[in-house]
């Protein structure tokens, strides 16, 4: 959901939508608070965080695109994983062992 909202905002900015249209886009209270806190950071810190956010949005877009092109492959992978689970061929993930 986060990625989708930011993708729409990024697309609107890239496509040159006028500021009136952008101001009509709803922003959650949490995002507004985050942006307000970002504004007090130095330019380099703002740019670093902006890069992280934009990279995350792009990654989300690529995943969405990849999954939309190959829903059968994803379904087959899920079926295979569930079959292995039911056959007792899986083990519980222990984060401490990673």
PDB file of N, CA and C in Angstrom:
ATOM      1  N   UNK A   1       0.830  -1.184   0.000  1.00  0.00           N
ATOM      2  CA  UNK A   1       0.000   0.000   0.000  1.00  0.00           C
ATOM      3  C   UNK A   1       0.878   1.253   0.000  1.00  0.00           C
ATOM      4  N   UNK A   2       1.896   1.276   0.855  1.00  0.00           N
ATOM      5  CA  UNK A   2       2.820   2.403   0.923  1.00  0.00           C
ATOM      6  C   UNK A   2       3.428   2.667  -0.446  1.00  0.00           C
ATOM      7  N   UNK A   3       3.912   1.598  -1.055  1.00  0.00           N
ATOM      8  CA  UNK A   3       4.544   1.737  -2.363  1.00  0.00           C
ATOM      9  C   UNK A   3       3.591   2.281  -3.409  1.00  0.00           C
ATOM     10  N   UNK A   4       2.354   1.786  -3.394  1.00  0.00           N
ATOM     11  CA  UNK A   4       1.375   2.232  -4.377  1.00  0.00           C
ATOM     12  C   UNK A   4       1.075   3.723  -4.229  1.00  0.00           C
ATOM     13  N   UNK A   5       0.922   4.191  -2.995  1.00  0.00           N
ATOM     14  CA  UNK A   5       0.645   5.612  -2.771  1.00  0.00           C
ATOM     15  C   UNK A   5       1.801   6.468  -3.257  1.00  0.00           C
ATOM     16  N   UNK A   6       3.012   6.059  -2.931  1.00  0.00           N
ATOM     17  CA  UNK A   6       4.167   6.838  -3.341  1.00  0.00           C
ATOM     18  C   UNK A   6       4.395   6.755  -4.843  1.00  0.00           C
ATOM     19  N   UNK A   7       4.068   5.624  -5.449  1.00  0.00           N
ATOM     20  CA  UNK A   7       4.188   5.508  -6.904  1.00  0.00           C
ATOM     21  C   UNK A   7       3.264   6.511  -7.582  1.00  0.00           C
ATOM     22  N   UNK A   8       2.027   6.628  -7.087  1.00  0.00           N
ATOM     23  CA  UNK A   8       1.088   7.594  -7.678  1.00  0.00           C
ATOM     24  C   UNK A   8       1.593   9.021  -7.515  1.00  0.00           C
ATOM     25  N   UNK A   9       2.126   9.336  -6.330  1.00  0.00           N
ATOM     26  CA  UNK A   9       2.644  10.677  -6.094  1.00  0.00           C
ATOM     27  C   UNK A   9       3.835  10.951  -7.007  1.00  0.00           C
ATOM     28  N   UNK A  10       4.741   9.984  -7.089  1.00  0.00           N
ATOM     29  CA  UNK A  10       5.926  10.142  -7.949  1.00  0.00           C
ATOM     30  C   UNK A  10       5.494  10.316  -9.408  1.00  0.00           C
ATOM     31  N   UNK A  11       4.544   9.509  -9.859  1.00  0.00           N
ATOM     32  CA  UNK A  11       4.072   9.604 -11.241  1.00  0.00           C
ATOM     33  C   UNK A  11       3.461  10.977 -11.501  1.00  0.00           C
ATOM     34  N   UNK A  12       2.709  11.482 -10.538  1.00  0.00           N
ATOM     35  CA  UNK A  12       2.090  12.793 -10.703  1.00  0.00           C
ATOM     36  C   UNK A  12       3.148  13.882 -10.827  1.00  0.00           C
ATOM     37  N   UNK A  13       4.188  13.772 -10.023  1.00  0.00           N
ATOM     38  CA  UNK A  13       5.265  14.771 -10.078  1.00  0.00           C
ATOM     39  C   UNK A  13       6.020  14.658 -11.398  1.00  0.00           C
ATOM     40  N   UNK A  14       6.358  13.444 -11.786  1.00  0.00           N
ATOM     41  CA  UNK A  14       7.109  13.232 -13.026  1.00  0.00           C
ATOM     42  C   UNK A  14       6.304  13.676 -14.232  1.00  0.00           C
ATOM     43  N   UNK A  15       5.004  13.402 -14.228  1.00  0.00           N
ATOM     44  CA  UNK A  15       4.159  13.756 -15.363  1.00  0.00           C
ATOM     45  C   UNK A  15       3.831  15.242 -15.411  1.00  0.00           C
ATOM     46  N   UNK A  16       4.306  16.004 -14.438  1.00  0.00           N
ATOM     47  CA  UNK A  16       4.112  17.446 -14.467  1.00  0.00           C
ATOM     48  C   UNK A  16       2.708  17.889 -14.113  1.00  0.00           C
ATOM     49  N   UNK A  17       2.050  17.144 -13.264  1.00  0.00           N
ATOM     50  CA  UNK A  17       0.712  17.538 -12.831  1.00  0.00           C
ATOM     51  C   UNK A  17       0.834  18.850 -12.078  1.00  0.00           C
ATOM     52  N   UNK A  18      -0.125  19.737 -12.274  1.00  0.00           N
ATOM     53  CA  UNK A  18      -0.055  21.043 -11.628  1.00  0.00           C
ATOM     54  C   UNK A  18      -0.192  20.905 -10.109  1.00  0.00           C
ATOM     55  N   UNK A  19       0.269  21.888  -9.377  1.00  0.00           N
ATOM     56  CA  UNK A  19       0.280  21.824  -7.920  1.00  0.00           C
ATOM     57  C   UNK A  19      -1.128  21.732  -7.343  1.00  0.00           C
ATOM     58  N   UNK A  20      -2.142  22.282  -8.030  1.00  0.00           N
ATOM     59  CA  UNK A  20      -3.518  22.171  -7.547  1.00  0.00           C
ATOM     60  C   UNK A  20      -3.941  20.712  -7.467  1.00  0.00           C
ATOM     61  N   UNK A  21      -3.595  19.934  -8.474  1.00  0.00           N
ATOM     62  CA  UNK A  21      -3.938  18.515  -8.485  1.00  0.00           C
ATOM     63  C   UNK A  21      -3.190  17.784  -7.380  1.00  0.00           C
ATOM     64  N   UNK A  22      -1.912  18.098  -7.203  1.00  0.00           N
ATOM     65  CA  UNK A  22      -1.138  17.444  -6.151  1.00  0.00           C
ATOM     66  C   UNK A  22      -1.695  17.762  -4.780  1.00  0.00           C
ATOM     67  N   UNK A  23      -2.165  19.003  -4.578  1.00  0.00           N
ATOM     68  CA  UNK A  23      -2.690  19.361  -3.264  1.00  0.00           C
ATOM     69  C   UNK A  23      -3.987  18.634  -2.960  1.00  0.00           C
ATOM     70  N   UNK A  24      -4.684  18.162  -3.989  1.00  0.00           N
ATOM     71  CA  UNK A  24      -5.915  17.409  -3.782  1.00  0.00           C
ATOM     72  C   UNK A  24      -5.647  15.965  -3.385  1.00  0.00           C
ATOM     73  N   UNK A  25      -4.412  15.495  -3.597  1.00  0.00           N
ATOM     74  CA  UNK A  25      -4.070  14.123  -3.244  1.00  0.00           C
ATOM     75  C   UNK A  25      -3.982  14.026  -1.732  1.00  0.00           C
ATOM     76  N   UNK A  26      -4.648  13.032  -1.168  1.00  0.00           N
ATOM     77  CA  UNK A  26      -4.662  12.867   0.279  1.00  0.00           C
ATOM     78  C   UNK A  26      -3.326  12.324   0.763  1.00  0.00           C
ATOM     79  N   UNK A  27      -2.881  12.847   1.892  1.00  0.00           N
ATOM     80  CA  UNK A  27      -1.676  12.348   2.536  1.00  0.00           C
ATOM     81  C   UNK A  27      -2.074  11.956   3.950  1.00  0.00           C
ATOM     82  N   UNK A  28      -1.614  10.806   4.390  1.00  0.00           N
ATOM     83  CA  UNK A  28      -1.974  10.373   5.732  1.00  0.00           C
ATOM     84  C   UNK A  28      -1.310  11.268   6.765  1.00  0.00           C
ATOM     85  N   UNK A  29      -1.882  11.251   7.942  1.00  0.00           N
ATOM     86  CA  UNK A  29      -1.318  12.044   9.033  1.00  0.00           C
ATOM     87  C   UNK A  29       0.101  11.577   9.358  1.00  0.00           C
ATOM     88  N   UNK A  30       0.318  10.279   9.320  1.00  0.00           N
ATOM     89  CA  UNK A  30       1.646   9.754   9.607  1.00  0.00           C
ATOM     90  C   UNK A  30       2.662  10.241   8.577  1.00  0.00           C
ATOM     91  N   UNK A  31       2.287  10.223   7.301  1.00  0.00           N
ATOM     92  CA  UNK A  31       3.197  10.705   6.261  1.00  0.00           C
ATOM     93  C   UNK A  31       3.449  12.201   6.414  1.00  0.00           C
ATOM     94  N   UNK A  32       2.428  12.955   6.764  1.00  0.00           N
ATOM     95  CA  UNK A  32       2.602  14.387   6.994  1.00  0.00           C
ATOM     96  C   UNK A  32       3.591  14.640   8.130  1.00  0.00           C
ATOM     97  N   UNK A  33       3.486  13.851   9.206  1.00  0.00           N
ATOM     98  CA  UNK A  33       4.417  14.005  10.332  1.00  0.00           C
ATOM     99  C   UNK A  33       5.834  13.660   9.906  1.00  0.00           C
ATOM    100  N   UNK A  34       5.966  12.599   9.112  1.00  0.00           N
ATOM    101  CA  UNK A  34       7.293  12.198   8.652  1.00  0.00           C
ATOM    102  C   UNK A  34       7.912  13.284   7.779  1.00  0.00           C
ATOM    103  N   UNK A  35       7.131  13.838   6.869  1.00  0.00           N
ATOM    104  CA  UNK A  35       7.631  14.897   5.982  1.00  0.00           C
ATOM    105  C   UNK A  35       8.026  16.124   6.799  1.00  0.00           C
ATOM    106  N   UNK A  36       7.218  16.463   7.793  1.00  0.00           N
ATOM    107  CA  UNK A  36       7.540  17.616   8.642  1.00  0.00           C
ATOM    108  C   UNK A  36       8.875  17.411   9.356  1.00  0.00           C
ATOM    109  N   UNK A  37       9.121  16.206   9.826  1.00  0.00           N
ATOM    110  CA  UNK A  37      10.390  15.920  10.504  1.00  0.00           C
ATOM    111  C   UNK A  37      11.548  15.916   9.515  1.00  0.00           C
ATOM    112  N   UNK A  38      11.289  15.458   8.303  1.00  0.00           N
ATOM    113  CA  UNK A  38      12.344  15.450   7.283  1.00  0.00           C
ATOM    114  C   UNK A  38      12.784  16.867   6.918  1.00  0.00           C
ATOM    115  N   UNK A  39      11.864  17.798   6.973  1.00  0.00           N
ATOM    116  CA  UNK A  39      12.160  19.162   6.553  1.00  0.00           C
ATOM    117  C   UNK A  39      13.198  19.842   7.435  1.00  0.00           C
ATOM    118  N   UNK A  40      13.395  19.348   8.651  1.00  0.00           N
ATOM    119  CA  UNK A  40      14.374  19.983   9.541  1.00  0.00           C
ATOM    120  C   UNK A  40      15.778  19.382   9.378  1.00  0.00           C
ATOM    121  N   UNK A  41      15.874  18.318   8.601  1.00  0.00           N
ATOM    122  CA  UNK A  41      17.171  17.680   8.377  1.00  0.00           C
ATOM    123  C   UNK A  41      17.998  18.479   7.375  1.00  0.00           C
ATOM    124  N   UNK A  42      19.279  18.203   7.353  1.00  0.00           N
ATOM    125  CA  UNK A  42      20.154  18.861   6.382  1.00  0.00           C
ATOM    126  C   UNK A  42      19.793  18.403   4.967  1.00  0.00           C
ATOM    127  N   UNK A  43      20.266  19.144   3.997  1.00  0.00           N
ATOM    128  CA  UNK A  43      19.981  18.801   2.602  1.00  0.00           C
ATOM    129  C   UNK A  43      20.489  17.404   2.261  1.00  0.00           C
ATOM    130  N   UNK A  44      21.689  17.069   2.726  1.00  0.00           N
ATOM    131  CA  UNK A  44      22.244  15.747   2.404  1.00  0.00           C
ATOM    132  C   UNK A  44      21.429  14.632   3.064  1.00  0.00           C
ATOM    133  N   UNK A  45      20.951  14.856   4.287  1.00  0.00           N
ATOM    134  CA  UNK A  45      20.121  13.843   4.950  1.00  0.00           C
ATOM    135  C   UNK A  45      18.773  13.702   4.243  1.00  0.00           C
ATOM    136  N   UNK A  46      18.192  14.831   3.847  1.00  0.00           N
ATOM    137  CA  UNK A  46      16.926  14.787   3.110  1.00  0.00           C
ATOM    138  C   UNK A  46      17.106  14.021   1.802  1.00  0.00           C
ATOM    139  N   UNK A  47      18.194  14.302   1.091  1.00  0.00           N
ATOM    140  CA  UNK A  47      18.445  13.619  -0.172  1.00  0.00           C
ATOM    141  C   UNK A  47      18.664  12.130   0.023  1.00  0.00           C
ATOM    142  N   UNK A  48      19.352  11.754   1.089  1.00  0.00           N
ATOM    143  CA  UNK A  48      19.590  10.339   1.369  1.00  0.00           C
ATOM    144  C   UNK A  48      18.270   9.618   1.630  1.00  0.00           C
ATOM    145  N   UNK A  49      17.410  10.215   2.431  1.00  0.00           N
ATOM    146  CA  UNK A  49      16.123   9.585   2.734  1.00  0.00           C
ATOM    147  C   UNK A  49      15.228   9.579   1.504  1.00  0.00           C
ATOM    148  N   UNK A  50      15.244  10.655   0.747  1.00  0.00           N
ATOM    149  CA  UNK A  50      14.457  10.707  -0.492  1.00  0.00           C
ATOM    150  C   UNK A  50      14.898   9.610  -1.454  1.00  0.00           C
ATOM    151  N   UNK A  51      16.189   9.375  -1.553  1.00  0.00           N
ATOM    152  CA  UNK A  51      16.701   8.306  -2.428  1.00  0.00           C
ATOM    153  C   UNK A  51      16.216   6.941  -1.977  1.00  0.00           C
ATOM    154  N   UNK A  52      16.221   6.723  -0.662  1.00  0.00           N
ATOM    155  CA  UNK A  52      15.739   5.450  -0.127  1.00  0.00           C
ATOM    156  C   UNK A  52      14.265   5.258  -0.476  1.00  0.00           C
ATOM    157  N   UNK A  53      13.466   6.294  -0.274  1.00  0.00           N
ATOM    158  CA  UNK A  53      12.033   6.209  -0.554  1.00  0.00           C
ATOM    159  C   UNK A  53      11.789   5.961  -2.043  1.00  0.00           C
ATOM    160  N   UNK A  54      12.463   6.723  -2.888  1.00  0.00           N
ATOM    161  CA  UNK A  54      12.268   6.560  -4.334  1.00  0.00           C
ATOM    162  C   UNK A  54      12.742   5.188  -4.813  1.00  0.00           C
ATOM    163  N   UNK A  55      13.836   4.695  -4.246  1.00  0.00           N
ATOM    164  CA  UNK A  55      14.305   3.348  -4.594  1.00  0.00           C
ATOM    165  C   UNK A  55      13.275   2.299  -4.183  1.00  0.00           C
ATOM    166  N   UNK A  56      12.689   2.477  -3.007  1.00  0.00           N
ATOM    167  CA  UNK A  56      11.669   1.535  -2.521  1.00  0.00           C
ATOM    168  C   UNK A  56      10.444   1.559  -3.438  1.00  0.00           C
ATOM    169  N   UNK A  57      10.042   2.741  -3.853  1.00  0.00           N
ATOM    170  CA  UNK A  57       8.903   2.867  -4.763  1.00  0.00           C
ATOM    171  C   UNK A  57       9.194   2.155  -6.079  1.00  0.00           C
ATOM    172  N   UNK A  58      10.389   2.352  -6.606  1.00  0.00           N
ATOM    173  CA  UNK A  58      10.761   1.715  -7.870  1.00  0.00           C
ATOM    174  C   UNK A  58      10.824   0.196  -7.713  1.00  0.00           C
ATOM    175  N   UNK A  59      11.378  -0.274  -6.601  1.00  0.00           N
ATOM    176  CA  UNK A  59      11.411  -1.719  -6.349  1.00  0.00           C
ATOM    177  C   UNK A  59       9.997  -2.294  -6.299  1.00  0.00           C
ATOM    178  N   UNK A  60       9.100  -1.597  -5.628  1.00  0.00           N
ATOM    179  CA  UNK A  60       7.703  -2.036  -5.524  1.00  0.00           C
ATOM    180  C   UNK A  60       7.057  -2.100  -6.903  1.00  0.00           C
ATOM    181  N   UNK A  61       7.331  -1.084  -7.728  1.00  0.00           N
ATOM    182  CA  UNK A  61       6.771  -1.056  -9.081  1.00  0.00           C
ATOM    183  C   UNK A  61       7.279  -2.243  -9.896  1.00  0.00           C
ATOM    184  N   UNK A  62       8.583  -2.508  -9.783  1.00  0.00           N
ATOM    185  CA  UNK A  62       9.155  -3.628 -10.541  1.00  0.00           C
ATOM    186  C   UNK A  62       8.570  -4.963 -10.084  1.00  0.00           C
ATOM    187  N   UNK A  63       8.405  -5.149  -8.767  1.00  0.00           N
ATOM    188  CA  UNK A  63       7.800  -6.386  -8.263  1.00  0.00           C
ATOM    189  C   UNK A  63       6.365  -6.518  -8.777  1.00  0.00           C
ATOM    190  N   UNK A  64       5.601  -5.435  -8.694  1.00  0.00           N
ATOM    191  CA  UNK A  64       4.215  -5.463  -9.177  1.00  0.00           C
ATOM    192  C   UNK A  64       4.172  -5.823 -10.654  1.00  0.00           C
ATOM    193  N   UNK A  65       5.057  -5.212 -11.422  1.00  0.00           N
ATOM    194  CA  UNK A  65       5.103  -5.488 -12.861  1.00  0.00           C
ATOM    195  C   UNK A  65       5.482  -6.943 -13.130  1.00  0.00           C
ATOM    196  N   UNK A  66       6.474  -7.435 -12.416  1.00  0.00           N
ATOM    197  CA  UNK A  66       6.925  -8.823 -12.611  1.00  0.00           C
ATOM    198  C   UNK A  66       5.820  -9.808 -12.251  1.00  0.00           C
ATOM    199  N   UNK A  67       5.140  -9.565 -11.149  1.00  0.00           N
ATOM    200  CA  UNK A  67       4.067 -10.473 -10.735  1.00  0.00           C
ATOM    201  C   UNK A  67       2.867 -10.388 -11.667  1.00  0.00           C
ATOM    202  N   UNK A  68       2.589  -9.210 -12.192  1.00  0.00           N
ATOM    203  CA  UNK A  68       1.432  -9.081 -13.089  1.00  0.00           C
ATOM    204  C   UNK A  68       1.693  -9.784 -14.418  1.00  0.00           C
ATOM    205  N   UNK A  69       2.959  -9.871 -14.827  1.00  0.00           N
ATOM    206  CA  UNK A  69       3.302 -10.554 -16.072  1.00  0.00           C
ATOM    207  C   UNK A  69       3.334 -12.067 -15.920  1.00  0.00           C
ATOM    208  N   UNK A  70       3.505 -12.541 -14.688  1.00  0.00           N
ATOM    209  CA  UNK A  70       3.671 -13.980 -14.503  1.00  0.00           C
ATOM    210  C   UNK A  70       2.883 -14.520 -13.308  1.00  0.00           C
ATOM    211  N   UNK A  71       1.570 -14.265 -13.248  1.00  0.00           N
ATOM    212  CA  UNK A  71       0.803 -14.758 -12.100  1.00  0.00           C
ATOM    213  C   UNK A  71       0.803 -16.279 -12.017  1.00  0.00           C
ATOM    214  N   UNK A  72       0.871 -16.970 -13.152  1.00  0.00           N
ATOM    215  CA  UNK A  72       0.892 -18.433 -13.132  1.00  0.00           C
ATOM    216  C   UNK A  72       2.164 -18.963 -12.482  1.00  0.00           C
ATOM    217  N   UNK A  73       3.282 -18.317 -12.758  1.00  0.00           N
ATOM    218  CA  UNK A  73       4.551 -18.745 -12.176  1.00  0.00           C
ATOM    219  C   UNK A  73       4.504 -18.583 -10.658  1.00  0.00           C
ATOM    220  N   UNK A  74       3.997 -17.452 -10.210  1.00  0.00           N
ATOM    221  CA  UNK A  74       3.888 -17.214  -8.771  1.00  0.00           C
ATOM    222  C   UNK A  74       2.959 -18.229  -8.117  1.00  0.00           C
ATOM    223  N   UNK A  75       1.842 -18.518  -8.754  1.00  0.00           N
ATOM    224  CA  UNK A  75       0.897 -19.502  -8.215  1.00  0.00           C
ATOM    225  C   UNK A  75       1.545 -20.881  -8.144  1.00  0.00           C
ATOM    226  N   UNK A  76       2.323 -21.239  -9.161  1.00  0.00           N
ATOM    227  CA  UNK A  76       3.011 -22.538  -9.160  1.00  0.00           C
ATOM    228  C   UNK A  76       4.043 -22.608  -8.042  1.00  0.00           C
ATOM    229  N   UNK A  77       4.768 -21.523  -7.827  1.00  0.00           N
ATOM    230  CA  UNK A  77       5.740 -21.488  -6.739  1.00  0.00           C
ATOM    231  C   UNK A  77       5.049 -21.647  -5.385  1.00  0.00           C
ATOM    232  N   UNK A  78       3.915 -20.971  -5.220  1.00  0.00           N
ATOM    233  CA  UNK A  78       3.155 -21.080  -3.973  1.00  0.00           C
ATOM    234  C   UNK A  78       2.637 -22.501  -3.782  1.00  0.00           C
ATOM    235  N   UNK A  79       2.113 -23.103  -4.836  1.00  0.00           N
ATOM    236  CA  UNK A  79       1.630 -24.487  -4.757  1.00  0.00           C
ATOM    237  C   UNK A  79       2.755 -25.433  -4.389  1.00  0.00           C
ATOM    238  N   UNK A  80       3.922 -25.232  -4.983  1.00  0.00           N
ATOM    239  CA  UNK A  80       5.077 -26.070  -4.704  1.00  0.00           C
ATOM    240  C   UNK A  80       5.518 -25.929  -3.247  1.00  0.00           C
ATOM    241  N   UNK A  81       5.541 -24.696  -2.754  1.00  0.00           N
ATOM    242  CA  UNK A  81       5.929 -24.459  -1.365  1.00  0.00           C
ATOM    243  C   UNK A  81       4.940 -25.100  -0.409  1.00  0.00           C
ATOM    244  N   UNK A  82       3.655 -24.991  -0.701  1.00  0.00           N
ATOM    245  CA  UNK A  82       2.642 -25.600   0.163  1.00  0.00           C
ATOM    246  C   UNK A  82       2.735 -27.120   0.127  1.00  0.00           C
ATOM    247  N   UNK A  83       3.026 -27.682  -1.027  1.00  0.00           N
ATOM    248  CA  UNK A  83       3.174 -29.141  -1.143  1.00  0.00           C
ATOM    249  C   UNK A  83       4.360 -29.613  -0.302  1.00  0.00           C
ATOM    250  N   UNK A  84       5.458 -28.879  -0.347  1.00  0.00           N
ATOM    251  CA  UNK A  84       6.616 -29.228   0.475  1.00  0.00           C
ATOM    252  C   UNK A  84       6.282 -29.121   1.960  1.00  0.00           C
ATOM    253  N   UNK A  85       5.517 -28.094   2.325  1.00  0.00           N
ATOM    254  CA  UNK A  85       5.118 -27.919   3.717  1.00  0.00           C
ATOM    255  C   UNK A  85       4.257 -29.095   4.177  1.00  0.00           C
ATOM    256  N   UNK A  86       3.247 -29.446   3.377  1.00  0.00           N
ATOM    257  CA  UNK A  86       2.350 -30.556   3.737  1.00  0.00           C
ATOM    258  C   UNK A  86       3.093 -31.894   3.792  1.00  0.00           C
ATOM    259  N   UNK A  87       4.143 -32.028   2.987  1.00  0.00           N
ATOM    260  CA  UNK A  87       4.923 -33.268   2.965  1.00  0.00           C
ATOM    261  C   UNK A  87       5.973 -33.297   4.079  1.00  0.00           C
ATOM    262  N   UNK A  88       6.009 -32.267   4.894  1.00  0.00           N
ATOM    263  CA  UNK A  88       6.964 -32.231   5.997  1.00  0.00           C
ATOM    264  C   UNK A  88       8.393 -31.949   5.566  1.00  0.00           C
ATOM    265  N   UNK A  89       8.552 -31.346   4.408  1.00  0.00           N
ATOM    266  CA  UNK A  89       9.894 -31.087   3.874  1.00  0.00           C
ATOM    267  C   UNK A  89      10.403 -29.678   4.208  1.00  0.00           C
ATOM    268  N   UNK A  90       9.688 -28.972   5.055  1.00  0.00           N
ATOM    269  CA  UNK A  90      10.106 -27.619   5.420  1.00  0.00           C
ATOM    270  C   UNK A  90      10.449 -27.588   6.903  1.00  0.00           C
ATOM    271  N   UNK A  91      11.128 -26.552   7.310  1.00  0.00           N
ATOM    272  CA  UNK A  91      11.398 -26.366   8.728  1.00  0.00           C
ATOM    273  C   UNK A  91      11.111 -24.930   9.111  1.00  0.00           C
ATOM    274  N   UNK A  92      10.748 -24.761  10.386  1.00  0.00           N
ATOM    275  CA  UNK A  92      10.412 -23.430  10.869  1.00  0.00           C
ATOM    276  C   UNK A  92      11.647 -22.548  10.826  1.00  0.00           C
ATOM    277  N   UNK A  93      11.453 -21.317  10.418  1.00  0.00           N
ATOM    278  CA  UNK A  93      12.547 -20.361  10.321  1.00  0.00           C
ATOM    279  C   UNK A  93      12.924 -19.891  11.717  1.00  0.00           C
ATOM    280  N   UNK A  94      14.202 -19.993  12.039  1.00  0.00           N
ATOM    281  CA  UNK A  94      14.714 -19.502  13.310  1.00  0.00           C
ATOM    282  C   UNK A  94      15.577 -18.283  13.021  1.00  0.00           C
ATOM    283  N   UNK A  95      15.057 -17.073  13.298  1.00  0.00           N
ATOM    284  CA  UNK A  95      15.814 -15.855  12.992  1.00  0.00           C
ATOM    285  C   UNK A  95      17.169 -15.803  13.682  1.00  0.00           C
ATOM    286  N   UNK A  96      17.282 -16.454  14.819  1.00  0.00           N
ATOM    287  CA  UNK A  96      18.552 -16.461  15.553  1.00  0.00           C
ATOM    288  C   UNK A  96      19.616 -17.273  14.817  1.00  0.00           C
ATOM    289  N   UNK A  97      19.187 -18.195  13.975  1.00  0.00           N
ATOM    290  CA  UNK A  97      20.119 -19.058  13.267  1.00  0.00           C
ATOM    291  C   UNK A  97      20.585 -18.464  11.941  1.00  0.00           C
ATOM    292  N   UNK A  98      20.017 -17.336  11.554  1.00  0.00           N
ATOM    293  CA  UNK A  98      20.391 -16.727  10.276  1.00  0.00           C
ATOM    294  C   UNK A  98      21.760 -16.096  10.324  1.00  0.00           C
TER     295      UNK A  98
END
